[in-house]
N, C-alpha and C. Protein backbone atom coordinates (compact mmCIF):
# COMPACT_ATOMS: atom_id res chain seq x y z
N MET A 1 48.86 -85.80 -59.86
CA MET A 1 47.89 -84.90 -60.44
C MET A 1 47.87 -83.63 -59.60
N ALA A 2 48.02 -82.49 -60.24
CA ALA A 2 48.07 -81.22 -59.53
C ALA A 2 46.67 -80.78 -59.14
N HIS A 3 46.54 -80.31 -57.91
CA HIS A 3 45.25 -79.83 -57.41
C HIS A 3 45.29 -78.31 -57.41
N LEU A 4 44.39 -77.71 -58.17
CA LEU A 4 44.34 -76.25 -58.25
C LEU A 4 43.54 -75.71 -57.08
N SER A 5 44.11 -74.76 -56.38
CA SER A 5 43.38 -74.16 -55.27
C SER A 5 42.54 -73.00 -55.78
N GLU A 6 41.33 -72.87 -55.25
CA GLU A 6 40.43 -71.80 -55.65
C GLU A 6 40.90 -70.50 -54.99
N PRO A 7 40.70 -69.37 -55.67
CA PRO A 7 41.09 -68.11 -55.04
C PRO A 7 40.25 -67.86 -53.79
N ALA A 8 40.92 -67.41 -52.75
CA ALA A 8 40.24 -67.22 -51.47
C ALA A 8 39.31 -66.02 -51.55
N LYS A 9 38.09 -66.18 -51.02
CA LYS A 9 37.14 -65.07 -50.98
C LYS A 9 37.48 -64.17 -49.80
N LEU A 10 37.30 -62.90 -50.00
CA LEU A 10 37.54 -61.96 -48.92
C LEU A 10 36.36 -61.99 -47.95
N ARG A 11 36.68 -61.99 -46.68
CA ARG A 11 35.64 -61.90 -45.67
C ARG A 11 35.54 -60.46 -45.20
N TRP A 12 34.38 -60.10 -44.67
CA TRP A 12 34.18 -58.70 -44.29
C TRP A 12 35.11 -58.28 -43.18
N GLY A 13 35.56 -59.21 -42.36
CA GLY A 13 36.48 -58.87 -41.28
C GLY A 13 37.90 -58.61 -41.77
N GLU A 14 38.24 -59.13 -42.95
CA GLU A 14 39.58 -58.95 -43.49
C GLU A 14 39.74 -57.63 -44.25
N LEU A 15 38.63 -56.98 -44.57
CA LEU A 15 38.69 -55.72 -45.30
C LEU A 15 39.15 -54.60 -44.37
N GLU A 16 40.00 -53.77 -44.88
CA GLU A 16 40.47 -52.63 -44.10
C GLU A 16 39.48 -51.50 -44.23
N GLU A 17 39.42 -50.67 -43.22
CA GLU A 17 38.52 -49.52 -43.23
C GLU A 17 39.17 -48.38 -43.99
N ASP A 18 38.95 -48.31 -45.28
CA ASP A 18 39.42 -47.22 -46.11
C ASP A 18 38.22 -46.58 -46.78
N ASP A 19 37.98 -45.32 -46.49
CA ASP A 19 36.83 -44.64 -47.07
C ASP A 19 37.02 -44.39 -48.56
N GLY A 20 38.24 -44.14 -49.00
CA GLY A 20 38.49 -43.82 -50.39
C GLY A 20 38.69 -45.04 -51.27
N GLU A 21 38.69 -46.23 -50.69
CA GLU A 21 38.97 -47.44 -51.46
C GLU A 21 37.78 -47.81 -52.34
N ASP A 22 38.05 -48.26 -53.54
CA ASP A 22 37.01 -48.66 -54.47
C ASP A 22 36.63 -50.11 -54.18
N LEU A 23 35.39 -50.34 -53.75
CA LEU A 23 34.94 -51.67 -53.36
C LEU A 23 33.99 -52.28 -54.40
N ASP A 24 34.13 -51.89 -55.66
CA ASP A 24 33.23 -52.39 -56.69
C ASP A 24 33.40 -53.88 -56.94
N PHE A 25 34.52 -54.45 -56.54
CA PHE A 25 34.72 -55.89 -56.75
C PHE A 25 33.81 -56.71 -55.86
N LEU A 26 33.21 -56.11 -54.84
CA LEU A 26 32.28 -56.82 -53.96
C LEU A 26 30.87 -56.89 -54.54
N LEU A 27 30.59 -56.10 -55.54
CA LEU A 27 29.25 -56.05 -56.11
C LEU A 27 29.02 -57.19 -57.09
N PRO A 28 27.77 -57.63 -57.22
CA PRO A 28 27.45 -58.65 -58.24
C PRO A 28 27.69 -58.09 -59.64
N PRO A 29 27.94 -58.95 -60.62
CA PRO A 29 28.18 -58.45 -61.98
C PRO A 29 26.92 -57.87 -62.61
N ARG A 30 27.12 -57.07 -63.63
CA ARG A 30 26.02 -56.44 -64.36
C ARG A 30 25.27 -57.51 -65.15
N GLN A 31 23.93 -57.46 -65.13
CA GLN A 31 23.12 -58.43 -65.85
C GLN A 31 22.33 -57.71 -66.94
N VAL A 32 22.34 -58.28 -68.14
CA VAL A 32 21.54 -57.75 -69.24
C VAL A 32 20.53 -58.83 -69.61
N ILE A 33 19.24 -58.49 -69.47
CA ILE A 33 18.16 -59.43 -69.74
C ILE A 33 17.38 -58.94 -70.95
N GLY A 34 17.29 -59.77 -71.97
CA GLY A 34 16.48 -59.40 -73.13
C GLY A 34 17.32 -58.95 -74.29
N PRO A 35 16.75 -58.39 -75.27
CA PRO A 35 15.36 -57.97 -75.41
C PRO A 35 14.43 -59.16 -75.64
N ASP A 36 13.20 -59.04 -75.09
CA ASP A 36 12.21 -60.09 -75.24
C ASP A 36 11.40 -59.85 -76.52
N GLU A 37 10.27 -60.56 -76.66
CA GLU A 37 9.48 -60.45 -77.90
C GLU A 37 8.87 -59.07 -78.08
N ASN A 38 8.72 -58.29 -77.00
CA ASN A 38 8.18 -56.93 -77.10
C ASN A 38 9.27 -55.89 -77.28
N GLY A 39 10.53 -56.29 -77.30
CA GLY A 39 11.63 -55.35 -77.46
C GLY A 39 12.06 -54.69 -76.17
N ILE A 40 11.68 -55.25 -75.02
CA ILE A 40 12.03 -54.69 -73.71
C ILE A 40 13.34 -55.32 -73.26
N LYS A 41 14.31 -54.47 -72.90
CA LYS A 41 15.61 -54.93 -72.40
C LYS A 41 15.81 -54.36 -71.01
N ARG A 42 16.23 -55.21 -70.07
CA ARG A 42 16.48 -54.79 -68.69
C ARG A 42 17.96 -54.96 -68.38
N VAL A 43 18.53 -53.93 -67.76
CA VAL A 43 19.91 -53.96 -67.32
C VAL A 43 19.89 -53.77 -65.81
N ILE A 44 20.47 -54.73 -65.07
CA ILE A 44 20.51 -54.67 -63.61
C ILE A 44 21.94 -54.45 -63.19
N GLU A 45 22.18 -53.35 -62.46
CA GLU A 45 23.51 -52.99 -61.98
C GLU A 45 23.43 -52.73 -60.48
N TYR A 46 24.55 -52.84 -59.83
CA TYR A 46 24.65 -52.55 -58.41
C TYR A 46 25.76 -51.54 -58.20
N LYS A 47 25.57 -50.65 -57.23
CA LYS A 47 26.62 -49.70 -56.88
C LYS A 47 26.45 -49.31 -55.42
N PHE A 48 27.47 -48.65 -54.88
CA PHE A 48 27.41 -48.14 -53.52
C PHE A 48 27.01 -46.68 -53.57
N ASP A 49 26.07 -46.28 -52.67
CA ASP A 49 25.69 -44.87 -52.60
C ASP A 49 26.65 -44.12 -51.68
N ASP A 50 26.35 -42.86 -51.40
CA ASP A 50 27.24 -42.03 -50.59
C ASP A 50 27.38 -42.52 -49.15
N ASP A 51 26.35 -43.21 -48.65
CA ASP A 51 26.39 -43.72 -47.28
C ASP A 51 27.04 -45.08 -47.18
N GLY A 52 27.43 -45.67 -48.30
CA GLY A 52 28.07 -46.98 -48.29
C GLY A 52 27.10 -48.13 -48.43
N ASN A 53 25.82 -47.85 -48.70
CA ASN A 53 24.83 -48.90 -48.87
C ASN A 53 24.85 -49.40 -50.31
N LYS A 54 24.58 -50.70 -50.46
CA LYS A 54 24.52 -51.29 -51.80
C LYS A 54 23.16 -50.97 -52.40
N VAL A 55 23.15 -50.43 -53.63
CA VAL A 55 21.92 -50.01 -54.29
C VAL A 55 21.78 -50.78 -55.59
N LYS A 56 20.58 -51.30 -55.83
CA LYS A 56 20.29 -52.02 -57.07
C LYS A 56 19.64 -51.04 -58.05
N ILE A 57 20.18 -50.95 -59.26
CA ILE A 57 19.66 -50.05 -60.28
C ILE A 57 19.18 -50.90 -61.45
N THR A 58 17.87 -50.80 -61.75
CA THR A 58 17.30 -51.53 -62.87
C THR A 58 16.90 -50.52 -63.94
N THR A 59 17.47 -50.66 -65.12
CA THR A 59 17.16 -49.78 -66.23
C THR A 59 16.38 -50.58 -67.27
N THR A 60 15.19 -50.09 -67.62
CA THR A 60 14.35 -50.76 -68.60
C THR A 60 14.29 -49.89 -69.85
N THR A 61 14.64 -50.48 -70.99
CA THR A 61 14.61 -49.74 -72.25
C THR A 61 13.88 -50.55 -73.30
N ARG A 62 13.29 -49.84 -74.25
CA ARG A 62 12.62 -50.50 -75.37
C ARG A 62 13.49 -50.36 -76.60
N THR A 63 13.75 -51.47 -77.24
CA THR A 63 14.56 -51.44 -78.46
C THR A 63 13.65 -51.67 -79.65
N ARG A 64 13.95 -50.97 -80.73
CA ARG A 64 13.17 -51.12 -81.95
C ARG A 64 14.10 -51.46 -83.10
N LYS A 65 13.58 -52.21 -84.03
CA LYS A 65 14.34 -52.51 -85.23
C LYS A 65 13.88 -51.55 -86.32
N LEU A 66 14.84 -50.87 -86.91
CA LEU A 66 14.52 -49.93 -87.97
C LEU A 66 14.19 -50.68 -89.25
N ALA A 67 13.25 -50.14 -89.99
CA ALA A 67 12.85 -50.77 -91.25
C ALA A 67 13.92 -50.54 -92.30
N ASN A 68 14.16 -51.54 -93.08
CA ASN A 68 15.12 -51.43 -94.18
C ASN A 68 14.40 -50.91 -95.42
N ALA A 69 14.96 -49.91 -96.05
CA ALA A 69 14.38 -49.37 -97.28
C ALA A 69 14.90 -50.17 -98.46
N ARG A 70 14.01 -50.46 -99.37
CA ARG A 70 14.41 -51.19 -100.56
C ARG A 70 14.70 -50.18 -101.66
N VAL A 71 15.89 -50.23 -102.18
CA VAL A 71 16.32 -49.30 -103.22
C VAL A 71 16.68 -50.12 -104.45
N SER A 72 16.24 -49.62 -105.58
CA SER A 72 16.51 -50.35 -106.82
C SER A 72 17.99 -50.24 -107.19
N LYS A 73 18.42 -51.17 -108.01
CA LYS A 73 19.82 -51.16 -108.44
C LYS A 73 20.13 -49.93 -109.28
N ARG A 74 19.16 -49.46 -110.02
CA ARG A 74 19.36 -48.26 -110.85
C ARG A 74 19.57 -47.02 -109.98
N ALA A 75 18.82 -46.91 -108.88
CA ALA A 75 18.97 -45.76 -107.98
C ALA A 75 20.35 -45.77 -107.33
N ILE A 76 20.83 -46.94 -106.96
CA ILE A 76 22.17 -47.05 -106.38
C ILE A 76 23.22 -46.65 -107.42
N GLU A 77 23.00 -47.04 -108.66
CA GLU A 77 23.93 -46.67 -109.73
C GLU A 77 23.94 -45.16 -109.95
N ARG A 78 22.77 -44.51 -109.91
CA ARG A 78 22.70 -43.05 -110.12
C ARG A 78 23.41 -42.28 -109.01
N ARG A 79 23.40 -42.80 -107.81
CA ARG A 79 24.09 -42.12 -106.70
C ARG A 79 25.60 -42.08 -106.91
N SER A 80 26.12 -43.01 -107.67
CA SER A 80 27.57 -43.03 -107.89
C SER A 80 28.01 -42.16 -109.06
N TRP A 81 27.06 -41.59 -109.80
CA TRP A 81 27.41 -40.72 -110.92
C TRP A 81 28.08 -39.45 -110.42
N PRO A 82 29.01 -38.89 -111.18
CA PRO A 82 29.62 -37.62 -110.76
C PRO A 82 28.62 -36.47 -110.87
N LYS A 83 28.72 -35.52 -109.95
CA LYS A 83 27.81 -34.37 -109.96
C LYS A 83 28.21 -33.42 -111.08
N PHE A 84 27.23 -32.63 -111.54
CA PHE A 84 27.50 -31.66 -112.60
C PHE A 84 26.69 -30.39 -112.33
N GLY A 85 27.07 -29.31 -112.97
CA GLY A 85 26.36 -28.04 -112.84
C GLY A 85 26.55 -27.43 -111.45
N ASP A 86 25.46 -26.87 -110.88
CA ASP A 86 25.52 -26.22 -109.57
C ASP A 86 25.72 -27.23 -108.43
N ALA A 87 25.41 -28.49 -108.64
CA ALA A 87 25.51 -29.50 -107.59
C ALA A 87 26.94 -29.86 -107.25
N VAL A 88 27.90 -29.48 -108.09
CA VAL A 88 29.30 -29.81 -107.84
C VAL A 88 29.78 -29.15 -106.55
N GLN A 89 29.29 -27.95 -106.24
CA GLN A 89 29.74 -27.20 -105.08
C GLN A 89 29.08 -27.64 -103.77
N GLU A 90 28.00 -28.41 -103.82
CA GLU A 90 27.24 -28.78 -102.63
C GLU A 90 27.85 -30.00 -101.93
N ASP A 91 27.56 -30.09 -100.62
CA ASP A 91 27.97 -31.26 -99.86
C ASP A 91 27.10 -32.45 -100.24
N VAL A 92 27.51 -33.62 -99.77
CA VAL A 92 26.77 -34.84 -100.10
C VAL A 92 25.38 -34.82 -99.46
N GLY A 93 25.28 -34.46 -98.19
CA GLY A 93 24.00 -34.51 -97.49
C GLY A 93 23.33 -33.17 -97.32
N ALA A 94 23.71 -32.16 -98.10
CA ALA A 94 23.18 -30.81 -97.89
C ALA A 94 21.70 -30.71 -98.25
N ARG A 95 21.23 -31.48 -99.20
CA ARG A 95 19.85 -31.34 -99.64
C ARG A 95 18.95 -32.44 -99.10
N LEU A 96 19.46 -33.26 -98.20
CA LEU A 96 18.64 -34.32 -97.63
C LEU A 96 17.70 -33.73 -96.59
N THR A 97 16.47 -34.19 -96.58
CA THR A 97 15.51 -33.73 -95.59
C THR A 97 15.11 -34.93 -94.75
N MET A 98 14.90 -34.66 -93.46
CA MET A 98 14.55 -35.73 -92.54
C MET A 98 13.28 -35.36 -91.82
N VAL A 99 12.32 -36.26 -91.76
CA VAL A 99 11.05 -36.00 -91.11
C VAL A 99 11.04 -36.76 -89.79
N SER A 100 10.75 -36.05 -88.70
CA SER A 100 10.70 -36.68 -87.38
C SER A 100 9.34 -37.31 -87.18
N THR A 101 9.31 -38.53 -86.66
CA THR A 101 8.05 -39.23 -86.43
C THR A 101 7.59 -39.14 -84.99
N GLU A 102 8.38 -38.58 -84.12
CA GLU A 102 7.99 -38.50 -82.72
C GLU A 102 7.30 -37.18 -82.43
N GLU A 103 6.44 -37.20 -81.40
CA GLU A 103 5.70 -36.00 -81.03
C GLU A 103 6.60 -35.07 -80.24
N ILE A 104 6.47 -33.78 -80.51
CA ILE A 104 7.28 -32.79 -79.81
C ILE A 104 6.37 -31.93 -78.96
């Protein structure tokens, strides 16, 4: 029966002193937690700063689910009709209006 050897972990004494070397393989992996019942998602990342110190970065974001609009089958059918008159020259979304719900 073949015995598989585990990959050897690097020890700090075996690392060479290279300032330009990318040492991201020493950092823990990125963690994504959530979203929970309130829509809060946390992303935990680690990186090295300019002084070579390991820094933990936690990003918290709120995710929302957009509401689905219910459109009748007849309205979907009318959208597929060919344009006529002055509307032939217009773009598809030229006359669409969008209302912002956030405060400015």
